[in-house]
Amino acid sequence: MAYFDSELSTETKRAMVKALNERPGQDDFSKRIQLNAQISSTMAIEDFVTKNSRLFFQRLGISSDFLDSDPQTWELRDDYKAALETVSQ
């Protein structure tokens, strides 16, 4: 839901979209996140995003088309507004 966080910078959201499109995800989904505690404190939010993160939108039936545009314009888009409404509820 970080894509909808107004406190995150545009640059962070751009990095998240880049990771969403480029970073491969795992084929087997564990029920728990497994992190190395020593490196997790140095990770940025975009480090947690992979191609599998797109499943969030699919499972909630939310259009992810707004992700193809610059995050600076998201708040002007109807599909983003509809998605924001869904995740806000």
Protein backbone atom coordinates (compact mmCIF):
# COMPACT_ATOMS: atom_id res chain seq x y z
CA MET A 1 0.00 0.00 0.00
CA ALA A 2 3.05 2.25 0.01
CA TYR A 3 2.18 3.33 -3.52
CA PHE A 4 -0.67 5.29 -1.95
CA ASP A 5 1.33 6.85 0.91
CA SER A 6 1.38 10.62 0.44
CA GLU A 7 4.39 10.90 2.74
CA LEU A 8 6.66 8.89 0.42
CA SER A 9 8.68 10.92 -2.05
CA THR A 10 8.16 10.76 -5.79
CA GLU A 11 11.70 9.42 -6.11
CA THR A 12 10.92 6.53 -3.75
CA LYS A 13 7.77 5.70 -5.69
CA ARG A 14 9.76 5.77 -8.94
CA ALA A 15 12.24 3.32 -7.39
CA MET A 16 9.35 1.11 -6.28
CA VAL A 17 7.88 1.05 -9.81
CA LYS A 18 11.32 0.25 -11.25
CA ALA A 19 11.67 -2.68 -8.84
CA LEU A 20 8.13 -3.80 -9.64
CA ASN A 21 9.02 -4.02 -13.31
CA GLU A 22 12.56 -5.34 -13.04
CA ARG A 23 13.23 -7.30 -9.83
CA PRO A 24 12.24 -10.95 -10.11
CA GLY A 25 10.17 -12.46 -7.36
CA GLN A 26 10.23 -15.93 -5.90
CA ASP A 27 8.20 -18.77 -7.36
CA ASP A 28 7.28 -20.22 -3.98
CA PHE A 29 5.41 -17.92 -1.66
CA SER A 30 6.08 -18.47 2.01
CA LYS A 31 3.49 -17.42 4.56
CA ARG A 32 6.02 -15.30 6.40
CA ILE A 33 8.59 -12.80 5.25
CA GLN A 34 12.06 -14.14 5.82
CA LEU A 35 14.62 -11.40 6.37
CA ASN A 36 18.18 -11.31 7.50
CA ALA A 37 17.94 -9.08 10.58
CA GLN A 38 21.43 -7.70 10.05
CA ILE A 39 20.67 -6.26 6.62
CA SER A 40 16.98 -5.44 6.99
CA SER A 41 17.70 -2.26 8.91
CA THR A 42 19.63 -0.87 5.94
CA MET A 43 17.00 -1.73 3.34
CA ALA A 44 14.82 0.87 1.65
CA ILE A 45 11.13 0.30 0.95
CA GLU A 46 11.80 -0.37 -2.75
CA ASP A 47 14.01 -3.30 -1.70
CA PHE A 48 10.86 -5.13 -0.65
CA VAL A 49 9.21 -4.73 -4.08
CA THR A 50 9.43 -7.40 -6.79
CA LYS A 51 7.45 -8.38 -9.86
CA ASN A 52 5.30 -10.45 -7.49
CA SER A 53 4.15 -7.24 -5.80
CA ARG A 54 1.81 -6.72 -8.76
CA LEU A 55 -0.27 -9.59 -7.35
CA PHE A 56 -1.49 -7.17 -4.66
CA PHE A 57 -3.36 -5.22 -7.33
CA GLN A 58 -4.65 -8.34 -9.09
CA ARG A 59 -5.96 -9.96 -5.92
CA LEU A 60 -7.82 -6.82 -4.89
CA GLY A 61 -9.13 -6.24 -8.41
CA ILE A 62 -7.38 -2.86 -8.59
CA SER A 63 -6.16 -1.41 -11.86
CA SER A 64 -2.41 -0.93 -11.84
CA ASP A 65 -2.35 1.08 -15.08
CA PHE A 66 -1.38 4.23 -13.18
CA LEU A 67 1.99 2.59 -12.48
CA ASP A 68 2.88 3.13 -16.15
CA SER A 69 2.86 6.89 -15.60
CA ASP A 70 5.12 9.10 -13.53
CA PRO A 71 4.23 9.05 -9.80
CA GLN A 72 4.09 12.83 -9.85
CA THR A 73 0.89 12.56 -11.96
CA TRP A 74 -0.81 9.72 -10.10
CA GLU A 75 -3.07 11.89 -7.97
CA LEU A 76 -4.56 13.38 -11.14
CA ARG A 77 -5.54 10.01 -12.60
CA ASP A 78 -8.99 8.49 -12.13
CA ASP A 79 -7.62 4.93 -11.94
CA TYR A 80 -5.27 5.97 -9.12
CA LYS A 81 -8.12 7.71 -7.27
CA ALA A 82 -10.27 4.58 -7.57
CA ALA A 83 -7.40 2.39 -6.33
CA LEU A 84 -6.74 4.76 -3.44
CA GLU A 85 -10.41 4.59 -2.47
CA THR A 86 -10.28 0.79 -2.46
CA VAL A 87 -7.15 0.50 -0.31
CA SER A 88 -8.41 3.22 2.04
CA GLN A 89 -11.42 1.11 2.87
